[in-house]
Protein backbone atom coordinates (compact mmCIF):
# COMPACT_ATOMS: atom_id res chain seq x y z
CA MET A 1 -103.76 175.52 -26.94
CA ASN A 2 -105.95 172.46 -27.27
CA CYS A 3 -104.73 168.87 -27.38
CA ASP A 4 -105.38 168.42 -31.11
CA ARG A 5 -103.34 171.51 -32.00
CA ALA A 6 -100.59 170.41 -29.60
CA GLU A 7 -100.40 166.98 -31.23
CA THR A 8 -100.28 168.59 -34.68
CA ILE A 9 -97.35 170.76 -33.63
CA ALA A 10 -95.58 167.77 -32.06
CA LEU A 11 -96.10 165.71 -35.23
CA GLY A 12 -94.64 168.58 -37.20
CA ALA A 13 -91.66 168.61 -34.87
CA LEU A 14 -91.22 164.87 -35.34
CA GLY A 15 -91.31 165.32 -39.11
CA TRP A 16 -88.80 168.15 -38.85
CA LEU A 17 -86.50 165.97 -36.74
CA ALA A 18 -86.86 163.07 -39.17
CA GLY A 19 -85.73 165.32 -42.00
CA ASN A 20 -82.72 166.65 -40.11
CA GLU A 21 -79.73 164.41 -40.83
CA ASP A 22 -77.67 165.87 -37.99
CA LEU A 23 -80.31 166.02 -35.28
CA LEU A 24 -82.27 162.80 -35.90
CA PRO A 25 -79.44 160.54 -34.66
CA VAL A 26 -79.16 162.66 -31.51
CA PHE A 27 -82.88 162.25 -30.85
CA ILE A 28 -82.77 158.50 -31.54
CA THR A 29 -79.80 158.03 -29.23
CA SER A 30 -81.18 160.16 -26.42
CA SER A 31 -84.70 158.72 -26.58
CA GLY A 32 -83.76 155.08 -27.12
CA VAL A 33 -86.19 154.66 -30.03
CA ASP A 34 -85.41 153.31 -33.46
CA LEU A 35 -86.92 154.26 -36.82
CA ALA A 36 -89.69 151.66 -36.51
CA ASP A 37 -90.62 153.09 -33.10
CA LEU A 38 -90.86 156.56 -34.61
CA ARG A 39 -93.48 155.37 -37.08
CA GLN A 40 -95.41 153.25 -34.57
CA ARG A 41 -95.49 155.81 -31.78
CA ALA A 42 -96.20 158.92 -33.87
CA GLY A 43 -99.82 158.93 -32.70
CA ASP A 44 -99.01 158.43 -29.01
CA PRO A 45 -99.45 161.69 -27.03
CA ASP A 46 -96.83 160.60 -24.47
CA PHE A 47 -94.27 160.03 -27.21
CA LEU A 48 -95.18 163.32 -28.89
CA ALA A 49 -94.59 165.02 -25.54
CA SER A 50 -91.10 163.51 -25.47
CA VAL A 51 -90.46 164.87 -28.98
CA LEU A 52 -91.29 168.36 -27.76
CA ASP A 53 -89.25 167.85 -24.59
CA PHE A 54 -86.27 167.08 -26.80
CA LEU A 55 -86.89 170.00 -29.15
CA LEU A 56 -87.26 172.44 -26.27
CA MET A 57 -83.77 171.58 -24.96
CA ASP A 58 -82.17 174.00 -27.45
CA ASP A 59 -83.43 177.39 -28.57
CA ALA A 60 -81.75 176.96 -31.96
CA TRP A 61 -83.75 173.77 -32.54
CA VAL A 62 -86.98 175.51 -31.58
CA MET A 63 -86.21 178.41 -33.88
CA GLY A 64 -85.26 176.09 -36.75
CA PHE A 65 -88.46 174.09 -36.40
CA CYS A 66 -90.66 177.17 -36.04
CA ASP A 67 -89.03 178.95 -38.97
CA ALA A 68 -89.49 175.86 -41.15
CA SER A 69 -93.10 175.42 -39.99
CA GLY A 70 -94.16 179.05 -39.99
CA ILE A 71 -95.29 179.01 -36.37
CA ASN A 72 -94.59 181.31 -33.45
CA TYR A 73 -91.54 180.48 -31.31
CA ALA A 74 -93.73 180.09 -28.22
CA GLU A 75 -96.02 177.45 -29.72
CA PRO A 76 -93.84 174.36 -29.09
CA ALA A 77 -93.70 175.18 -25.36
CA GLU A 78 -97.44 175.87 -25.31
CA ALA A 79 -98.04 172.58 -27.11
CA ARG A 80 -95.87 170.75 -24.59
CA GLN A 81 -97.99 172.10 -21.74
CA ALA A 82 -101.13 170.75 -23.44
CA LEU A 83 -99.76 167.20 -23.76
CA PRO A 84 -99.49 164.58 -20.99
CA GLY A 85 -97.16 165.64 -18.18
CA GLY A 86 -96.93 169.21 -19.38
CA ALA A 87 -99.12 170.93 -16.83
CA PRO A 88 -97.24 173.38 -14.62
CA MET A 89 -96.50 172.18 -11.10
CA ASN A 90 -98.71 173.61 -8.39
CA TRP A 91 -97.09 173.21 -4.99
CA THR A 92 -99.89 174.80 -2.99
């Protein structure tokens, strides 16, 4: 997964959240952003990482997004790893 593909998936997830009347308020409340922030920060890789962090909290959300987007269920997690702060921890 390269960074461009990861950002594309995260933007898709943001669009999916924005179109979900039930889930968008949950994301806004939990992230502390407002609608203007969503528009302004859509190109920020750190913000896109937080979108995927939110999405990955619930398997049903992941499945809903992936089904709507026609992507594999593993891709959001792979995309998250490719964005800032997503690298696996190496304790050695």
